[in-house]
Amino acid sequence: MSERFCSLIVFGPGAPRTFQLHLSRGAIAILVAAFLLSFLAVILIGHTVPGPVNEVDRAQLETENHTLRVEASNAAIGIERLNTKLSELEATSQRIHELVAQ
């Protein structure tokens, strides 16, 4: 068994038994390392996770998002119209090319 480095004795008020905890140097080192690791993980998560968004910013983002959706929809409609005009122009060009070739 490893050498005891620290003993913790807990007396409960009115409890008939005591709780004894014997810790070795290795166990204390593991506990300290686990505490430091969890503390650093909490700090890292606190810095990487964005804070809450207030209602003014949320409303502004929703407005911008809606505007972008409308612009994308309008662009898609414009592209569709250009594609139909392009196909009409290609058909007209093909007819002209056939007439010139005759």
C-alpha atoms as a PDB file:
ATOM      1  CA  MET A   1       0.000   0.000   0.000  1.00  0.00           C
ATOM      2  CA  SER A   2       1.264   3.487  -0.764  1.00  0.00           C
ATOM      3  CA  GLU A   3       2.470   5.901   1.847  1.00  0.00           C
ATOM      4  CA  ARG A   4      -0.144   8.175   3.392  1.00  0.00           C
ATOM      5  CA  PHE A   5       0.484  11.808   2.724  1.00  0.00           C
ATOM      6  CA  CYS A   6      -2.739  13.333   3.975  1.00  0.00           C
ATOM      7  CA  SER A   7      -5.606  12.115   6.100  1.00  0.00           C
ATOM      8  CA  LEU A   8      -8.974  13.804   6.106  1.00  0.00           C
ATOM      9  CA  ILE A   9     -11.344  13.067   8.968  1.00  0.00           C
ATOM     10  CA  VAL A  10     -14.922  14.324   8.751  1.00  0.00           C
ATOM     11  CA  PHE A  11     -17.100  14.554  11.854  1.00  0.00           C
ATOM     12  CA  GLY A  12     -20.797  14.977  11.234  1.00  0.00           C
ATOM     13  CA  PRO A  13     -22.897  16.787  13.836  1.00  0.00           C
ATOM     14  CA  GLY A  14     -24.739  14.106  15.730  1.00  0.00           C
ATOM     15  CA  ALA A  15     -23.372  11.332  13.504  1.00  0.00           C
ATOM     16  CA  PRO A  16     -22.182   8.224  15.336  1.00  0.00           C
ATOM     17  CA  ARG A  17     -19.423   7.448  12.802  1.00  0.00           C
ATOM     18  CA  THR A  18     -16.580   9.447  11.363  1.00  0.00           C
ATOM     19  CA  PHE A  19     -15.493   9.430   7.748  1.00  0.00           C
ATOM     20  CA  GLN A  20     -11.767   8.999   7.186  1.00  0.00           C
ATOM     21  CA  LEU A  21     -10.050   9.556   3.869  1.00  0.00           C
ATOM     22  CA  HIS A  22      -6.368   8.735   3.451  1.00  0.00           C
ATOM     23  CA  LEU A  23      -4.672  10.284   0.429  1.00  0.00           C
ATOM     24  CA  SER A  24      -1.273   9.528  -1.045  1.00  0.00           C
ATOM     25  CA  ARG A  25       0.917  11.978  -2.947  1.00  0.00           C
ATOM     26  CA  GLY A  26      -0.129  10.414  -6.250  1.00  0.00           C
ATOM     27  CA  ALA A  27      -3.826  10.720  -5.427  1.00  0.00           C
ATOM     28  CA  ILE A  28      -3.421  14.369  -4.481  1.00  0.00           C
ATOM     29  CA  ALA A  29      -1.482  15.010  -7.691  1.00  0.00           C
ATOM     30  CA  ILE A  30      -4.262  13.375  -9.719  1.00  0.00           C
ATOM     31  CA  LEU A  31      -6.921  15.447  -7.931  1.00  0.00           C
ATOM     32  CA  VAL A  32      -4.990  18.684  -8.505  1.00  0.00           C
ATOM     33  CA  ALA A  33      -4.415  17.811 -12.179  1.00  0.00           C
ATOM     34  CA  ALA A  34      -8.114  16.979 -12.644  1.00  0.00           C
ATOM     35  CA  PHE A  35      -9.111  20.264 -11.013  1.00  0.00           C
ATOM     36  CA  LEU A  36      -6.728  22.282 -13.193  1.00  0.00           C
ATOM     37  CA  LEU A  37      -7.827  20.469 -16.340  1.00  0.00           C
ATOM     38  CA  SER A  38     -11.511  21.031 -15.614  1.00  0.00           C
ATOM     39  CA  PHE A  39     -10.862  24.672 -14.701  1.00  0.00           C
ATOM     40  CA  LEU A  40      -8.984  25.271 -17.952  1.00  0.00           C
ATOM     41  CA  ALA A  41     -11.724  23.477 -19.909  1.00  0.00           C
ATOM     42  CA  VAL A  42     -14.351  25.785 -18.399  1.00  0.00           C
ATOM     43  CA  ILE A  43     -12.261  28.838 -19.276  1.00  0.00           C
ATOM     44  CA  LEU A  44     -11.744  27.565 -22.839  1.00  0.00           C
ATOM     45  CA  ILE A  45     -15.447  26.896 -23.305  1.00  0.00           C
ATOM     46  CA  GLY A  46     -16.249  30.324 -21.875  1.00  0.00           C
ATOM     47  CA  HIS A  47     -14.045  31.985 -24.474  1.00  0.00           C
ATOM     48  CA  THR A  48     -15.128  29.903 -27.472  1.00  0.00           C
ATOM     49  CA  VAL A  49     -18.893  29.823 -26.955  1.00  0.00           C
ATOM     50  CA  PRO A  50     -20.475  33.102 -28.047  1.00  0.00           C
ATOM     51  CA  GLY A  51     -22.521  35.055 -25.576  1.00  0.00           C
ATOM     52  CA  PRO A  52     -26.255  35.514 -25.806  1.00  0.00           C
ATOM     53  CA  VAL A  53     -27.584  37.716 -28.596  1.00  0.00           C
ATOM     54  CA  ASN A  54     -29.766  40.591 -27.475  1.00  0.00           C
ATOM     55  CA  GLU A  55     -33.150  41.246 -29.076  1.00  0.00           C
ATOM     56  CA  VAL A  56     -32.041  44.289 -31.093  1.00  0.00           C
ATOM     57  CA  ASP A  57     -29.258  42.332 -32.782  1.00  0.00           C
ATOM     58  CA  ARG A  58     -31.566  39.355 -33.285  1.00  0.00           C
ATOM     59  CA  ALA A  59     -34.165  41.557 -35.009  1.00  0.00           C
ATOM     60  CA  GLN A  60     -31.481  43.116 -37.205  1.00  0.00           C
ATOM     61  CA  LEU A  61     -30.177  39.681 -38.187  1.00  0.00           C
ATOM     62  CA  GLU A  62     -33.687  38.479 -39.006  1.00  0.00           C
ATOM     63  CA  THR A  63     -34.272  41.548 -41.183  1.00  0.00           C
ATOM     64  CA  GLU A  64     -30.989  41.054 -43.026  1.00  0.00           C
ATOM     65  CA  ASN A  65     -31.730  37.357 -43.439  1.00  0.00           C
ATOM     66  CA  HIS A  66     -35.168  38.099 -44.898  1.00  0.00           C
ATOM     67  CA  THR A  67     -33.673  40.692 -47.249  1.00  0.00           C
ATOM     68  CA  LEU A  68     -31.062  38.215 -48.458  1.00  0.00           C
ATOM     69  CA  ARG A  69     -33.730  35.560 -49.051  1.00  0.00           C
ATOM     70  CA  VAL A  70     -35.771  38.011 -51.129  1.00  0.00           C
ATOM     71  CA  GLU A  71     -32.683  39.022 -53.123  1.00  0.00           C
ATOM     72  CA  ALA A  72     -31.804  35.374 -53.732  1.00  0.00           C
ATOM     73  CA  SER A  73     -35.350  34.653 -54.866  1.00  0.00           C
ATOM     74  CA  ASN A  74     -35.319  37.658 -57.194  1.00  0.00           C
ATOM     75  CA  ALA A  75     -31.941  36.604 -58.568  1.00  0.00           C
ATOM     76  CA  ALA A  76     -33.254  33.092 -59.245  1.00  0.00           C
ATOM     77  CA  ILE A  77     -36.258  34.524 -61.098  1.00  0.00           C
ATOM     78  CA  GLY A  78     -33.960  36.829 -63.094  1.00  0.00           C
ATOM     79  CA  ILE A  79     -31.687  33.929 -64.000  1.00  0.00           C
ATOM     80  CA  GLU A  80     -34.677  31.903 -65.162  1.00  0.00           C
ATOM     81  CA  ARG A  81     -35.835  34.794 -67.361  1.00  0.00           C
ATOM     82  CA  LEU A  82     -32.338  35.195 -68.795  1.00  0.00           C
ATOM     83  CA  ASN A  83     -32.192  31.474 -69.549  1.00  0.00           C
ATOM     84  CA  THR A  84     -35.471  31.639 -71.481  1.00  0.00           C
ATOM     85  CA  LYS A  85     -34.279  34.713 -73.411  1.00  0.00           C
ATOM     86  CA  LEU A  86     -30.983  32.992 -74.109  1.00  0.00           C
ATOM     87  CA  SER A  87     -32.718  29.916 -75.474  1.00  0.00           C
ATOM     88  CA  GLU A  88     -34.920  32.157 -77.659  1.00  0.00           C
ATOM     89  CA  LEU A  89     -31.847  34.014 -78.935  1.00  0.00           C
ATOM     90  CA  GLU A  90     -30.071  30.738 -79.652  1.00  0.00           C
ATOM     91  CA  ALA A  91     -33.083  29.501 -81.596  1.00  0.00           C
ATOM     92  CA  THR A  92     -33.235  32.780 -83.549  1.00  0.00           C
ATOM     93  CA  SER A  93     -29.506  32.636 -84.185  1.00  0.00           C
ATOM     94  CA  GLN A  94     -29.832  29.073 -85.425  1.00  0.00           C
ATOM     95  CA  ARG A  95     -32.618  30.093 -87.819  1.00  0.00           C
ATOM     96  CA  ILE A  96     -30.566  33.034 -89.108  1.00  0.00           C
ATOM     97  CA  HIS A  97     -27.556  30.788 -89.539  1.00  0.00           C
ATOM     98  CA  GLU A  98     -29.662  28.309 -91.518  1.00  0.00           C
ATOM     99  CA  LEU A  99     -31.039  31.099 -93.733  1.00  0.00           C
ATOM    100  CA  VAL A 100     -27.557  32.449 -94.432  1.00  0.00           C
ATOM    101  CA  ALA A 101     -26.281  28.965 -95.249  1.00  0.00           C
ATOM    102  CA  GLN A 102     -28.941  28.433 -97.930  1.00  0.00           C
END
